[in-house]
Amino acid sequence: MATNSPIKVSEEVDQLISHAAHFLGRSKKDLVDAAVRDYIEAHRDELNASIQEVMHKLDGSNAAVVSMMTGYTKSELDELGGVPE
């Protein structure tokens, strides 16, 4: 099921998309869809490595989640009063 999720791009990029879609005989939507899928596939190893890095940092505690979201270390969070579990 397709959903409408508008994305914002610069005017220059919009023009590139429009021209490419025109000359390839595709809709802008189809062109962007294919481009994003190709980009993600080309960077799959990088994405997976990043996901694994995040998973290793999370230990199931609230402090780990807050640390990940804020960038503060667990010791910095403790200095600020800690994070209730």
PDB file of N, CA and C in Angstrom:
ATOM      1  N   MET A   1       0.841  -1.170   0.000  1.00  0.00           N
ATOM      2  CA  MET A   1       0.000   0.000   0.000  1.00  0.00           C
ATOM      3  C   MET A   1       0.892   1.241   0.000  1.00  0.00           C
ATOM      4  N   ALA A   2       0.742   2.074  -0.958  1.00  0.00           N
ATOM      5  CA  ALA A   2       1.543   3.283  -1.080  1.00  0.00           C
ATOM      6  C   ALA A   2       0.947   4.395  -0.223  1.00  0.00           C
ATOM      7  N   THR A   3       1.835   5.157   0.384  1.00  0.00           N
ATOM      8  CA  THR A   3       1.395   6.319   1.149  1.00  0.00           C
ATOM      9  C   THR A   3       2.056   7.558   0.566  1.00  0.00           C
ATOM     10  N   ASN A   4       1.433   8.681   0.770  1.00  0.00           N
ATOM     11  CA  ASN A   4       2.006   9.936   0.306  1.00  0.00           C
ATOM     12  C   ASN A   4       2.812  10.536   1.445  1.00  0.00           C
ATOM     13  N   SER A   5       4.114  10.581   1.265  1.00  0.00           N
ATOM     14  CA  SER A   5       5.013  11.173   2.245  1.00  0.00           C
ATOM     15  C   SER A   5       5.877  12.182   1.508  1.00  0.00           C
ATOM     16  N   PRO A   6       5.435  13.421   1.486  1.00  0.00           N
ATOM     17  CA  PRO A   6       6.185  14.417   0.725  1.00  0.00           C
ATOM     18  C   PRO A   6       7.591  14.601   1.276  1.00  0.00           C
ATOM     19  N   ILE A   7       8.519  14.773   0.365  1.00  0.00           N
ATOM     20  CA  ILE A   7       9.895  15.078   0.743  1.00  0.00           C
ATOM     21  C   ILE A   7      10.251  16.414   0.127  1.00  0.00           C
ATOM     22  N   LYS A   8      11.157  17.111   0.765  1.00  0.00           N
ATOM     23  CA  LYS A   8      11.572  18.410   0.253  1.00  0.00           C
ATOM     24  C   LYS A   8      12.976  18.297  -0.298  1.00  0.00           C
ATOM     25  N   VAL A   9      13.153  18.799  -1.488  1.00  0.00           N
ATOM     26  CA  VAL A   9      14.469  18.856  -2.114  1.00  0.00           C
ATOM     27  C   VAL A   9      14.667  20.273  -2.627  1.00  0.00           C
ATOM     28  N   SER A  10      15.909  20.606  -2.880  1.00  0.00           N
ATOM     29  CA  SER A  10      16.179  21.939  -3.402  1.00  0.00           C
ATOM     30  C   SER A  10      15.586  22.075  -4.805  1.00  0.00           C
ATOM     31  N   GLU A  11      15.443  23.303  -5.233  1.00  0.00           N
ATOM     32  CA  GLU A  11      14.910  23.553  -6.574  1.00  0.00           C
ATOM     33  C   GLU A  11      15.813  22.929  -7.632  1.00  0.00           C
ATOM     34  N   GLU A  12      17.122  22.996  -7.402  1.00  0.00           N
ATOM     35  CA  GLU A  12      18.086  22.418  -8.348  1.00  0.00           C
ATOM     36  C   GLU A  12      17.890  20.910  -8.479  1.00  0.00           C
ATOM     37  N   VAL A  13      17.727  20.223  -7.343  1.00  0.00           N
ATOM     38  CA  VAL A  13      17.518  18.773  -7.368  1.00  0.00           C
ATOM     39  C   VAL A  13      16.177  18.446  -8.004  1.00  0.00           C
ATOM     40  N   ASP A  14      15.156  19.245  -7.719  1.00  0.00           N
ATOM     41  CA  ASP A  14      13.847  19.021  -8.330  1.00  0.00           C
ATOM     42  C   ASP A  14      13.943  19.120  -9.853  1.00  0.00           C
ATOM     43  N   GLN A  15      14.712  20.068 -10.328  1.00  0.00           N
ATOM     44  CA  GLN A  15      14.900  20.204 -11.780  1.00  0.00           C
ATOM     45  C   GLN A  15      15.618  18.983 -12.349  1.00  0.00           C
ATOM     46  N   LEU A  16      16.638  18.499 -11.634  1.00  0.00           N
ATOM     47  CA  LEU A  16      17.349  17.295 -12.091  1.00  0.00           C
ATOM     48  C   LEU A  16      16.402  16.108 -12.166  1.00  0.00           C
ATOM     49  N   ILE A  17      15.572  15.968 -11.142  1.00  0.00           N
ATOM     50  CA  ILE A  17      14.598  14.867 -11.122  1.00  0.00           C
ATOM     51  C   ILE A  17      13.620  15.007 -12.274  1.00  0.00           C
ATOM     52  N   SER A  18      13.125  16.212 -12.478  1.00  0.00           N
ATOM     53  CA  SER A  18      12.159  16.456 -13.556  1.00  0.00           C
ATOM     54  C   SER A  18      12.751  16.135 -14.919  1.00  0.00           C
ATOM     55  N   HIS A  19      13.973  16.618 -15.169  1.00  0.00           N
ATOM     56  CA  HIS A  19      14.608  16.369 -16.476  1.00  0.00           C
ATOM     57  C   HIS A  19      14.887  14.881 -16.675  1.00  0.00           C
ATOM     58  N   ALA A  20      15.441  14.238 -15.640  1.00  0.00           N
ATOM     59  CA  ALA A  20      15.751  12.816 -15.771  1.00  0.00           C
ATOM     60  C   ALA A  20      14.478  12.011 -15.993  1.00  0.00           C
ATOM     61  N   ALA A  21      13.435  12.316 -15.242  1.00  0.00           N
ATOM     62  CA  ALA A  21      12.167  11.593 -15.398  1.00  0.00           C
ATOM     63  C   ALA A  21      11.629  11.770 -16.816  1.00  0.00           C
ATOM     64  N   HIS A  22      11.692  12.997 -17.320  1.00  0.00           N
ATOM     65  CA  HIS A  22      11.198  13.275 -18.672  1.00  0.00           C
ATOM     66  C   HIS A  22      11.955  12.452 -19.713  1.00  0.00           C
ATOM     67  N   PHE A  23      13.287  12.517 -19.650  1.00  0.00           N
ATOM     68  CA  PHE A  23      14.078  11.852 -20.682  1.00  0.00           C
ATOM     69  C   PHE A  23      14.132  10.337 -20.528  1.00  0.00           C
ATOM     70  N   LEU A  24      13.823   9.843 -19.339  1.00  0.00           N
ATOM     71  CA  LEU A  24      13.756   8.399 -19.145  1.00  0.00           C
ATOM     72  C   LEU A  24      12.337   7.862 -19.322  1.00  0.00           C
ATOM     73  N   GLY A  25      11.385   8.774 -19.526  1.00  0.00           N
ATOM     74  CA  GLY A  25      10.005   8.351 -19.720  1.00  0.00           C
ATOM     75  C   GLY A  25       9.375   7.763 -18.466  1.00  0.00           C
ATOM     76  N   ARG A  26       9.765   8.292 -17.311  1.00  0.00           N
ATOM     77  CA  ARG A  26       9.243   7.795 -16.040  1.00  0.00           C
ATOM     78  C   ARG A  26       8.632   8.957 -15.270  1.00  0.00           C
ATOM     79  N   SER A  27       7.820   8.623 -14.292  1.00  0.00           N
ATOM     80  CA  SER A  27       7.292   9.683 -13.434  1.00  0.00           C
ATOM     81  C   SER A  27       8.378  10.076 -12.438  1.00  0.00           C
ATOM     82  N   LYS A  28       8.264  11.279 -11.889  1.00  0.00           N
ATOM     83  CA  LYS A  28       9.207  11.734 -10.877  1.00  0.00           C
ATOM     84  C   LYS A  28       9.169  10.787  -9.675  1.00  0.00           C
ATOM     85  N   LYS A  29       7.969  10.382  -9.298  1.00  0.00           N
ATOM     86  CA  LYS A  29       7.791   9.471  -8.160  1.00  0.00           C
ATOM     87  C   LYS A  29       8.539   8.164  -8.396  1.00  0.00           C
ATOM     88  N   ASP A  30       8.393   7.578  -9.578  1.00  0.00           N
ATOM     89  CA  ASP A  30       9.062   6.311  -9.886  1.00  0.00           C
ATOM     90  C   ASP A  30      10.577   6.483  -9.924  1.00  0.00           C
ATOM     91  N   LEU A  31      11.040   7.601 -10.451  1.00  0.00           N
ATOM     92  CA  LEU A  31      12.476   7.856 -10.523  1.00  0.00           C
ATOM     93  C   LEU A  31      13.075   7.985  -9.122  1.00  0.00           C
ATOM     94  N   VAL A  32      12.422   8.758  -8.255  1.00  0.00           N
ATOM     95  CA  VAL A  32      12.925   8.939  -6.890  1.00  0.00           C
ATOM     96  C   VAL A  32      12.872   7.611  -6.145  1.00  0.00           C
ATOM     97  N   ASP A  33      11.794   6.855  -6.306  1.00  0.00           N
ATOM     98  CA  ASP A  33      11.672   5.553  -5.662  1.00  0.00           C
ATOM     99  C   ASP A  33      12.844   4.642  -6.052  1.00  0.00           C
ATOM    100  N   ALA A  34      13.127   4.555  -7.339  1.00  0.00           N
ATOM    101  CA  ALA A  34      14.220   3.705  -7.819  1.00  0.00           C
ATOM    102  C   ALA A  34      15.572   4.222  -7.326  1.00  0.00           C
ATOM    103  N   ALA A  35      15.748   5.535  -7.330  1.00  0.00           N
ATOM    104  CA  ALA A  35      17.025   6.117  -6.901  1.00  0.00           C
ATOM    105  C   ALA A  35      17.294   5.836  -5.424  1.00  0.00           C
ATOM    106  N   VAL A  36      16.281   5.983  -4.597  1.00  0.00           N
ATOM    107  CA  VAL A  36      16.457   5.738  -3.158  1.00  0.00           C
ATOM    108  C   VAL A  36      16.743   4.261  -2.909  1.00  0.00           C
ATOM    109  N   ARG A  37      16.011   3.390  -3.581  1.00  0.00           N
ATOM    110  CA  ARG A  37      16.255   1.955  -3.419  1.00  0.00           C
ATOM    111  C   ARG A  37      17.679   1.585  -3.853  1.00  0.00           C
ATOM    112  N   ASP A  38      18.128   2.129  -4.984  1.00  0.00           N
ATOM    113  CA  ASP A  38      19.489   1.863  -5.459  1.00  0.00           C
ATOM    114  C   ASP A  38      20.533   2.395  -4.480  1.00  0.00           C
ATOM    115  N   TYR A  39      20.302   3.580  -3.945  1.00  0.00           N
ATOM    116  CA  TYR A  39      21.235   4.191  -3.003  1.00  0.00           C
ATOM    117  C   TYR A  39      21.352   3.334  -1.740  1.00  0.00           C
ATOM    118  N   ILE A  40      20.214   2.922  -1.205  1.00  0.00           N
ATOM    119  CA  ILE A  40      20.229   2.112   0.011  1.00  0.00           C
ATOM    120  C   ILE A  40      20.916   0.771  -0.251  1.00  0.00           C
ATOM    121  N   GLU A  41      20.634   0.167  -1.373  1.00  0.00           N
ATOM    122  CA  GLU A  41      21.280  -1.106  -1.710  1.00  0.00           C
ATOM    123  C   GLU A  41      22.796  -0.924  -1.846  1.00  0.00           C
ATOM    124  N   ALA A  42      23.220   0.168  -2.463  1.00  0.00           N
ATOM    125  CA  ALA A  42      24.653   0.426  -2.648  1.00  0.00           C
ATOM    126  C   ALA A  42      25.358   0.698  -1.320  1.00  0.00           C
ATOM    127  N   HIS A  43      24.614   1.156  -0.314  1.00  0.00           N
ATOM    128  CA  HIS A  43      25.200   1.493   0.986  1.00  0.00           C
ATOM    129  C   HIS A  43      24.759   0.536   2.091  1.00  0.00           C
ATOM    130  N   ARG A  44      24.270  -0.636   1.694  1.00  0.00           N
ATOM    131  CA  ARG A  44      23.740  -1.598   2.658  1.00  0.00           C
ATOM    132  C   ARG A  44      24.771  -1.998   3.712  1.00  0.00           C
ATOM    133  N   ASP A  45      26.014  -2.243   3.316  1.00  0.00           N
ATOM    134  CA  ASP A  45      27.034  -2.644   4.287  1.00  0.00           C
ATOM    135  C   ASP A  45      27.282  -1.538   5.309  1.00  0.00           C
ATOM    136  N   GLU A  46      27.337  -0.303   4.838  1.00  0.00           N
ATOM    137  CA  GLU A  46      27.530   0.843   5.723  1.00  0.00           C
ATOM    138  C   GLU A  46      26.354   0.985   6.693  1.00  0.00           C
ATOM    139  N   LEU A  47      25.143   0.836   6.192  1.00  0.00           N
ATOM    140  CA  LEU A  47      23.956   0.908   7.041  1.00  0.00           C
ATOM    141  C   LEU A  47      23.951  -0.207   8.088  1.00  0.00           C
ATOM    142  N   ASN A  48      24.260  -1.415   7.661  1.00  0.00           N
ATOM    143  CA  ASN A  48      24.279  -2.539   8.591  1.00  0.00           C
ATOM    144  C   ASN A  48      25.344  -2.349   9.669  1.00  0.00           C
ATOM    145  N   ALA A  49      26.515  -1.830   9.289  1.00  0.00           N
ATOM    146  CA  ALA A  49      27.572  -1.580  10.272  1.00  0.00           C
ATOM    147  C   ALA A  49      27.120  -0.548  11.292  1.00  0.00           C
ATOM    148  N   SER A  50      26.433   0.482  10.833  1.00  0.00           N
ATOM    149  CA  SER A  50      25.942   1.519  11.731  1.00  0.00           C
ATOM    150  C   SER A  50      24.880   0.956  12.677  1.00  0.00           C
ATOM    151  N   ILE A  51      24.002   0.141  12.163  1.00  0.00           N
ATOM    152  CA  ILE A  51      22.970  -0.490  12.990  1.00  0.00           C
ATOM    153  C   ILE A  51      23.614  -1.380  14.041  1.00  0.00           C
ATOM    154  N   GLN A  52      24.604  -2.174  13.643  1.00  0.00           N
ATOM    155  CA  GLN A  52      25.292  -3.054  14.589  1.00  0.00           C
ATOM    156  C   GLN A  52      25.994  -2.254  15.679  1.00  0.00           C
ATOM    157  N   GLU A  53      26.605  -1.134  15.311  1.00  0.00           N
ATOM    158  CA  GLU A  53      27.282  -0.273  16.282  1.00  0.00           C
ATOM    159  C   GLU A  53      26.288   0.239  17.329  1.00  0.00           C
ATOM    160  N   VAL A  54      25.129   0.686  16.863  1.00  0.00           N
ATOM    161  CA  VAL A  54      24.103   1.172  17.785  1.00  0.00           C
ATOM    162  C   VAL A  54      23.616   0.042  18.682  1.00  0.00           C
ATOM    163  N   MET A  55      23.385  -1.120  18.123  1.00  0.00           N
ATOM    164  CA  MET A  55      22.887  -2.253  18.904  1.00  0.00           C
ATOM    165  C   MET A  55      23.888  -2.650  19.989  1.00  0.00           C
ATOM    166  N   HIS A  56      25.182  -2.571  19.702  1.00  0.00           N
ATOM    167  CA  HIS A  56      26.198  -2.919  20.694  1.00  0.00           C
ATOM    168  C   HIS A  56      26.220  -1.913  21.844  1.00  0.00           C
ATOM    169  N   LYS A  57      25.857  -0.664  21.558  1.00  0.00           N
ATOM    170  CA  LYS A  57      25.861   0.378  22.588  1.00  0.00           C
ATOM    171  C   LYS A  57      24.642   0.282  23.491  1.00  0.00           C
ATOM    172  N   LEU A  58      23.562  -0.273  22.987  1.00  0.00           N
ATOM    173  CA  LEU A  58      22.336  -0.400  23.786  1.00  0.00           C
ATOM    174  C   LEU A  58      22.398  -1.685  24.600  1.00  0.00           C
ATOM    175  N   ASP A  59      22.207  -1.549  25.911  1.00  0.00           N
ATOM    176  CA  ASP A  59      22.266  -2.720  26.778  1.00  0.00           C
ATOM    177  C   ASP A  59      20.923  -3.028  27.433  1.00  0.00           C
ATOM    178  N   GLY A  60      19.857  -2.387  26.966  1.00  0.00           N
ATOM    179  CA  GLY A  60      18.539  -2.617  27.521  1.00  0.00           C
ATOM    180  C   GLY A  60      18.182  -1.672  28.650  1.00  0.00           C
ATOM    181  N   SER A  61      19.097  -0.802  29.038  1.00  0.00           N
ATOM    182  CA  SER A  61      18.816   0.125  30.135  1.00  0.00           C
ATOM    183  C   SER A  61      18.307   1.461  29.596  1.00  0.00           C
ATOM    184  N   ASN A  62      17.555   2.162  30.442  1.00  0.00           N
ATOM    185  CA  ASN A  62      17.105   3.502  30.060  1.00  0.00           C
ATOM    186  C   ASN A  62      18.292   4.437  29.864  1.00  0.00           C
ATOM    187  N   ALA A  63      19.335   4.274  30.694  1.00  0.00           N
ATOM    188  CA  ALA A  63      20.522   5.120  30.582  1.00  0.00           C
ATOM    189  C   ALA A  63      21.177   4.959  29.212  1.00  0.00           C
ATOM    190  N   ALA A  64      21.221   3.731  28.685  1.00  0.00           N
ATOM    191  CA  ALA A  64      21.814   3.500  27.368  1.00  0.00           C
ATOM    192  C   ALA A  64      21.019   4.206  26.276  1.00  0.00           C
ATOM    193  N   VAL A  65      19.692   4.167  26.404  1.00  0.00           N
ATOM    194  CA  VAL A  65      18.837   4.825  25.413  1.00  0.00           C
ATOM    195  C   VAL A  65      19.017   6.338  25.474  1.00  0.00           C
ATOM    196  N   VAL A  66      18.998   6.905  26.687  1.00  0.00           N
ATOM    197  CA  VAL A  66      19.169   8.353  26.836  1.00  0.00           C
ATOM    198  C   VAL A  66      20.555   8.765  26.357  1.00  0.00           C
ATOM    199  N   SER A  67      21.559   7.974  26.667  1.00  0.00           N
ATOM    200  CA  SER A  67      22.916   8.258  26.215  1.00  0.00           C
ATOM    201  C   SER A  67      22.987   8.291  24.689  1.00  0.00           C
ATOM    202  N   MET A  68      22.342   7.322  24.062  1.00  0.00           N
ATOM    203  CA  MET A  68      22.337   7.246  22.598  1.00  0.00           C
ATOM    204  C   MET A  68      21.628   8.461  22.005  1.00  0.00           C
ATOM    205  N   MET A  69      20.539   8.878  22.613  1.00  0.00           N
ATOM    206  CA  MET A  69      19.745   9.987  22.072  1.00  0.00           C
ATOM    207  C   MET A  69      20.390  11.347  22.320  1.00  0.00           C
ATOM    208  N   THR A  70      21.105  11.490  23.429  1.00  0.00           N
ATOM    209  CA  THR A  70      21.642  12.805  23.795  1.00  0.00           C
ATOM    210  C   THR A  70      23.110  12.983  23.458  1.00  0.00           C
ATOM    211  N   GLY A  71      23.829  11.883  23.372  1.00  0.00           N
ATOM    212  CA  GLY A  71      25.270  11.980  23.151  1.00  0.00           C
ATOM    213  C   GLY A  71      26.063  12.065  24.446  1.00  0.00           C
ATOM    214  N   TYR A  72      25.370  12.148  25.583  1.00  0.00           N
ATOM    215  CA  TYR A  72      26.057  12.159  26.872  1.00  0.00           C
ATOM    216  C   TYR A  72      26.513  10.748  27.214  1.00  0.00           C
ATOM    217  N   THR A  73      27.675  10.644  27.846  1.00  0.00           N
ATOM    218  CA  THR A  73      28.125   9.340  28.322  1.00  0.00           C
ATOM    219  C   THR A  73      27.315   8.972  29.560  1.00  0.00           C
ATOM    220  N   LYS A  74      27.375   7.706  29.950  1.00  0.00           N
ATOM    221  CA  LYS A  74      26.641   7.273  31.140  1.00  0.00           C
ATOM    222  C   LYS A  74      27.158   7.990  32.378  1.00  0.00           C
ATOM    223  N   SER A  75      28.470   8.235  32.443  1.00  0.00           N
ATOM    224  CA  SER A  75      29.008   8.942  33.610  1.00  0.00           C
ATOM    225  C   SER A  75      28.542  10.398  33.623  1.00  0.00           C
ATOM    226  N   GLU A  76      28.416  11.020  32.451  1.00  0.00           N
ATOM    227  CA  GLU A  76      27.889  12.389  32.391  1.00  0.00           C
ATOM    228  C   GLU A  76      26.431  12.422  32.840  1.00  0.00           C
ATOM    229  N   LEU A  77      25.672  11.407  32.456  1.00  0.00           N
ATOM    230  CA  LEU A  77      24.278  11.330  32.897  1.00  0.00           C
ATOM    231  C   LEU A  77      24.201  11.159  34.409  1.00  0.00           C
ATOM    232  N   ASP A  78      25.103  10.352  34.959  1.00  0.00           N
ATOM    233  CA  ASP A  78      25.129  10.164  36.423  1.00  0.00           C
ATOM    234  C   ASP A  78      25.437  11.480  37.126  1.00  0.00           C
ATOM    235  N   GLU A  79      26.357  12.271  36.565  1.00  0.00           N
ATOM    236  CA  GLU A  79      26.698  13.573  37.145  1.00  0.00           C
ATOM    237  C   GLU A  79      25.490  14.516  37.127  1.00  0.00           C
ATOM    238  N   LEU A  80      24.609  14.347  36.150  1.00  0.00           N
ATOM    239  CA  LEU A  80      23.420  15.179  36.037  1.00  0.00           C
ATOM    240  C   LEU A  80      22.246  14.651  36.857  1.00  0.00           C
ATOM    241  N   GLY A  81      22.444  13.570  37.567  1.00  0.00           N
ATOM    242  CA  GLY A  81      21.375  13.023  38.396  1.00  0.00           C
ATOM    243  C   GLY A  81      20.949  11.629  38.006  1.00  0.00           C
ATOM    244  N   GLY A  82      21.513  11.102  36.943  1.00  0.00           N
ATOM    245  CA  GLY A  82      21.201   9.730  36.535  1.00  0.00           C
ATOM    246  C   GLY A  82      19.898   9.626  35.778  1.00  0.00           C
ATOM    247  N   VAL A  83      19.594   8.401  35.391  1.00  0.00           N
ATOM    248  CA  VAL A  83      18.373   8.098  34.640  1.00  0.00           C
ATOM    249  C   VAL A  83      17.652   6.976  35.371  1.00  0.00           C
ATOM    250  N   PRO A  84      16.403   7.217  35.791  1.00  0.00           N
ATOM    251  CA  PRO A  84      15.672   6.142  36.489  1.00  0.00           C
ATOM    252  C   PRO A  84      15.393   4.967  35.558  1.00  0.00           C
ATOM    253  N   GLU A  85      15.474   3.787  36.111  1.00  0.00           N
ATOM    254  CA  GLU A  85      15.207   2.573  35.320  1.00  0.00           C
ATOM    255  C   GLU A  85      13.773   2.141  35.477  1.00  0.00           C
TER     256      GLU A  85
END
